[in-house]
Amino acid sequence: MKYLYKEIQTAGSDAIQVDLTGNAANVMVMDAINFSNYKAGRRYRYSGGHYSRSPAIINPPHAGRWFVIVDLGGLSGRVDASIGII
């Protein structure tokens, strides 16, 4: 499974902005436990979804350390992402 990811730290009112270049992609925000499950192919929970337009803006459930994952969901294509906090 190929994917892009970035670990970020958010405060209480922060949102995460993901600017996509290339194909539409799944953009997911998850904690460390769910990211571990994702990498292992187990069930996981996330905030986000499939985005065909950029930017994707996701509000994490609470302040903390998050992993932002961008993947094509098994489809072919190319995607690049710029990830930041707003």
N, C-alpha and C. Protein backbone atom coordinates (compact mmCIF):
# COMPACT_ATOMS: atom_id res chain seq x y z
N MET A 1 0.84 -1.18 0.00
CA MET A 1 0.00 0.00 0.00
C MET A 1 0.89 1.24 0.00
N LYS A 2 0.70 2.10 -0.98
CA LYS A 2 1.48 3.33 -1.04
C LYS A 2 0.63 4.47 -0.54
N TYR A 3 1.25 5.34 0.24
CA TYR A 3 0.54 6.49 0.79
C TYR A 3 1.55 7.54 1.22
N LEU A 4 1.05 8.76 1.37
CA LEU A 4 1.84 9.85 1.93
C LEU A 4 1.33 10.09 3.34
N TYR A 5 2.21 10.51 4.24
CA TYR A 5 1.72 10.87 5.56
C TYR A 5 2.62 11.91 6.20
N LYS A 6 2.03 12.61 7.16
CA LYS A 6 2.77 13.59 7.93
C LYS A 6 2.20 13.59 9.34
N GLU A 7 3.09 13.65 10.32
CA GLU A 7 2.69 13.75 11.72
C GLU A 7 2.65 15.22 12.11
N ILE A 8 1.55 15.65 12.74
CA ILE A 8 1.42 17.05 13.14
C ILE A 8 0.83 17.14 14.54
N GLN A 9 1.03 18.28 15.16
CA GLN A 9 0.50 18.58 16.49
C GLN A 9 -0.49 19.73 16.32
N THR A 10 -1.70 19.57 16.87
CA THR A 10 -2.70 20.63 16.77
C THR A 10 -3.11 21.14 18.14
N ALA A 11 -3.57 22.39 18.15
CA ALA A 11 -4.17 22.99 19.34
C ALA A 11 -5.69 22.84 19.21
N GLY A 12 -6.40 23.30 20.22
CA GLY A 12 -7.84 23.09 20.28
C GLY A 12 -8.65 23.61 19.12
N SER A 13 -8.33 24.77 18.57
CA SER A 13 -9.14 25.35 17.51
C SER A 13 -8.54 25.17 16.12
N ASP A 14 -7.46 24.41 16.00
CA ASP A 14 -6.79 24.23 14.72
C ASP A 14 -7.59 23.36 13.76
N ALA A 15 -7.47 23.66 12.48
CA ALA A 15 -7.96 22.78 11.42
C ALA A 15 -6.75 22.39 10.58
N ILE A 16 -6.87 21.29 9.88
CA ILE A 16 -5.79 20.79 9.03
C ILE A 16 -6.18 21.03 7.58
N GLN A 17 -5.28 21.66 6.82
CA GLN A 17 -5.53 21.92 5.41
C GLN A 17 -4.58 21.06 4.58
N VAL A 18 -5.16 20.35 3.62
CA VAL A 18 -4.37 19.51 2.72
C VAL A 18 -4.64 19.96 1.29
N ASP A 19 -3.61 20.46 0.64
CA ASP A 19 -3.70 20.88 -0.76
C ASP A 19 -3.20 19.73 -1.63
N LEU A 20 -4.08 19.23 -2.49
CA LEU A 20 -3.76 18.09 -3.34
C LEU A 20 -3.37 18.56 -4.74
N THR A 21 -2.38 17.89 -5.32
CA THR A 21 -1.97 18.10 -6.70
C THR A 21 -1.98 16.74 -7.37
N GLY A 22 -2.69 16.63 -8.48
CA GLY A 22 -2.78 15.35 -9.18
C GLY A 22 -4.18 14.79 -9.07
N ASN A 23 -4.27 13.50 -8.82
CA ASN A 23 -5.55 12.81 -8.74
C ASN A 23 -6.31 13.14 -7.47
N ALA A 24 -7.61 12.84 -7.49
CA ALA A 24 -8.40 12.86 -6.27
C ALA A 24 -7.83 11.80 -5.34
N ALA A 25 -8.03 11.99 -4.03
CA ALA A 25 -7.42 11.07 -3.08
C ALA A 25 -8.23 11.01 -1.79
N ASN A 26 -7.96 9.97 -1.02
CA ASN A 26 -8.48 9.86 0.34
C ASN A 26 -7.56 10.66 1.25
N VAL A 27 -8.14 11.51 2.07
CA VAL A 27 -7.38 12.28 3.05
C VAL A 27 -7.94 11.91 4.42
N MET A 28 -7.08 11.35 5.27
CA MET A 28 -7.53 10.85 6.56
C MET A 28 -6.67 11.41 7.68
N VAL A 29 -7.31 11.76 8.78
CA VAL A 29 -6.62 12.23 9.97
C VAL A 29 -6.92 11.22 11.07
N MET A 30 -5.86 10.67 11.67
CA MET A 30 -6.06 9.65 12.70
C MET A 30 -4.97 9.72 13.76
N ASP A 31 -5.26 9.11 14.91
CA ASP A 31 -4.28 9.06 15.99
C ASP A 31 -3.30 7.93 15.76
N ALA A 32 -2.32 7.80 16.65
CA ALA A 32 -1.24 6.83 16.47
C ALA A 32 -1.74 5.38 16.45
N ILE A 33 -2.69 5.06 17.30
CA ILE A 33 -3.21 3.68 17.34
C ILE A 33 -3.89 3.33 16.03
N ASN A 34 -4.74 4.22 15.52
CA ASN A 34 -5.42 3.96 14.27
C ASN A 34 -4.46 3.96 13.09
N PHE A 35 -3.42 4.80 13.12
CA PHE A 35 -2.42 4.78 12.05
C PHE A 35 -1.69 3.44 12.04
N SER A 36 -1.38 2.92 13.20
CA SER A 36 -0.76 1.60 13.29
C SER A 36 -1.68 0.52 12.70
N ASN A 37 -2.96 0.60 13.03
CA ASN A 37 -3.93 -0.35 12.47
C ASN A 37 -4.02 -0.22 10.95
N TYR A 38 -4.03 1.02 10.45
CA TYR A 38 -4.08 1.29 9.01
C TYR A 38 -2.90 0.62 8.31
N LYS A 39 -1.69 0.82 8.85
CA LYS A 39 -0.49 0.25 8.23
C LYS A 39 -0.51 -1.27 8.25
N ALA A 40 -1.15 -1.85 9.27
CA ALA A 40 -1.20 -3.31 9.41
C ALA A 40 -2.38 -3.93 8.67
N GLY A 41 -3.22 -3.11 8.04
CA GLY A 41 -4.37 -3.64 7.31
C GLY A 41 -5.53 -4.02 8.20
N ARG A 42 -5.53 -3.53 9.44
CA ARG A 42 -6.64 -3.80 10.36
C ARG A 42 -7.66 -2.67 10.28
N ARG A 43 -8.77 -2.83 10.97
CA ARG A 43 -9.81 -1.79 11.02
C ARG A 43 -9.27 -0.56 11.72
N TYR A 44 -9.67 0.61 11.23
CA TYR A 44 -9.21 1.87 11.81
C TYR A 44 -10.32 2.91 11.68
N ARG A 45 -10.19 3.97 12.47
CA ARG A 45 -11.14 5.08 12.45
C ARG A 45 -10.38 6.35 12.06
N TYR A 46 -11.08 7.26 11.39
CA TYR A 46 -10.43 8.48 10.93
C TYR A 46 -11.46 9.58 10.74
N SER A 47 -10.96 10.80 10.61
CA SER A 47 -11.74 11.95 10.17
C SER A 47 -11.27 12.27 8.76
N GLY A 48 -12.17 12.69 7.91
CA GLY A 48 -11.80 13.02 6.53
C GLY A 48 -12.66 12.28 5.55
N GLY A 49 -12.09 11.94 4.40
CA GLY A 49 -12.83 11.23 3.37
C GLY A 49 -12.14 11.34 2.03
N HIS A 50 -12.92 11.11 0.96
CA HIS A 50 -12.41 11.18 -0.40
C HIS A 50 -12.61 12.59 -0.92
N TYR A 51 -11.54 13.21 -1.41
CA TYR A 51 -11.60 14.59 -1.89
C TYR A 51 -11.20 14.65 -3.36
N SER A 52 -12.07 15.21 -4.17
CA SER A 52 -11.75 15.41 -5.58
C SER A 52 -11.40 16.87 -5.86
N ARG A 53 -11.62 17.73 -4.87
CA ARG A 53 -11.27 19.15 -4.98
C ARG A 53 -10.36 19.53 -3.83
N SER A 54 -9.50 20.47 -4.10
CA SER A 54 -8.53 20.92 -3.11
C SER A 54 -8.85 22.36 -2.75
N PRO A 55 -8.66 22.79 -1.53
CA PRO A 55 -8.05 22.06 -0.42
C PRO A 55 -9.07 21.22 0.35
N ALA A 56 -8.57 20.21 1.01
CA ALA A 56 -9.36 19.45 1.98
C ALA A 56 -9.10 20.08 3.34
N ILE A 57 -10.16 20.46 4.03
CA ILE A 57 -10.01 21.05 5.36
C ILE A 57 -10.71 20.13 6.35
N ILE A 58 -9.95 19.66 7.33
CA ILE A 58 -10.46 18.68 8.30
C ILE A 58 -10.22 19.22 9.70
N ASN A 59 -11.26 19.16 10.51
CA ASN A 59 -11.15 19.55 11.92
C ASN A 59 -10.92 18.30 12.75
N PRO A 60 -9.77 18.17 13.37
CA PRO A 60 -9.54 16.99 14.22
C PRO A 60 -10.48 17.02 15.42
N PRO A 61 -10.81 15.85 15.97
CA PRO A 61 -11.76 15.79 17.08
C PRO A 61 -11.32 16.56 18.33
N HIS A 62 -10.01 16.69 18.54
CA HIS A 62 -9.49 17.40 19.71
C HIS A 62 -8.02 17.74 19.46
N ALA A 63 -7.47 18.55 20.33
CA ALA A 63 -6.05 18.90 20.23
C ALA A 63 -5.21 17.65 20.44
N GLY A 64 -4.04 17.62 19.84
CA GLY A 64 -3.15 16.48 20.06
C GLY A 64 -2.27 16.20 18.87
N ARG A 65 -1.66 15.02 18.90
CA ARG A 65 -0.77 14.55 17.85
C ARG A 65 -1.60 13.73 16.86
N TRP A 66 -1.47 14.07 15.58
CA TRP A 66 -2.26 13.42 14.54
C TRP A 66 -1.37 12.99 13.38
N PHE A 67 -1.84 11.98 12.68
CA PHE A 67 -1.22 11.55 11.43
C PHE A 67 -2.19 11.88 10.31
N VAL A 68 -1.69 12.61 9.30
CA VAL A 68 -2.49 12.95 8.13
C VAL A 68 -2.02 12.04 7.00
N ILE A 69 -2.93 11.22 6.49
CA ILE A 69 -2.60 10.24 5.47
C ILE A 69 -3.31 10.61 4.17
N VAL A 70 -2.59 10.52 3.06
CA VAL A 70 -3.16 10.74 1.74
C VAL A 70 -2.88 9.49 0.92
N ASP A 71 -3.94 8.85 0.42
CA ASP A 71 -3.74 7.69 -0.44
C ASP A 71 -4.77 7.68 -1.56
N LEU A 72 -4.50 6.87 -2.57
CA LEU A 72 -5.38 6.80 -3.74
C LEU A 72 -6.42 5.69 -3.61
N GLY A 73 -6.48 5.03 -2.47
CA GLY A 73 -7.48 3.99 -2.26
C GLY A 73 -7.34 2.81 -3.19
N GLY A 74 -6.12 2.48 -3.57
CA GLY A 74 -5.88 1.34 -4.45
C GLY A 74 -6.00 1.65 -5.94
N LEU A 75 -6.39 2.87 -6.28
CA LEU A 75 -6.51 3.25 -7.68
C LEU A 75 -5.16 3.70 -8.23
N SER A 76 -5.03 3.68 -9.54
CA SER A 76 -3.78 4.14 -10.14
C SER A 76 -3.80 5.66 -10.26
N GLY A 77 -2.63 6.23 -10.38
CA GLY A 77 -2.51 7.67 -10.52
C GLY A 77 -1.39 8.19 -9.66
N ARG A 78 -1.29 9.51 -9.61
CA ARG A 78 -0.26 10.17 -8.81
C ARG A 78 -0.91 11.30 -8.04
N VAL A 79 -0.42 11.49 -6.84
CA VAL A 79 -0.91 12.60 -6.03
C VAL A 79 0.25 13.12 -5.17
N ASP A 80 0.25 14.42 -4.97
CA ASP A 80 1.18 15.04 -4.06
C ASP A 80 0.35 15.91 -3.14
N ALA A 81 0.86 16.17 -1.96
CA ALA A 81 0.07 16.92 -0.98
C ALA A 81 0.95 17.87 -0.19
N SER A 82 0.37 19.01 0.11
CA SER A 82 0.96 19.97 1.02
C SER A 82 0.05 20.02 2.24
N ILE A 83 0.60 19.79 3.42
CA ILE A 83 -0.20 19.65 4.64
C ILE A 83 0.20 20.73 5.63
N GLY A 84 -0.79 21.44 6.15
CA GLY A 84 -0.51 22.49 7.11
C GLY A 84 -1.66 22.68 8.10
N ILE A 85 -1.42 23.55 9.07
CA ILE A 85 -2.42 23.85 10.09
C ILE A 85 -2.94 25.27 9.85
N ILE A 86 -4.25 25.42 9.94
CA ILE A 86 -4.85 26.75 9.81
C ILE A 86 -5.69 27.06 11.04
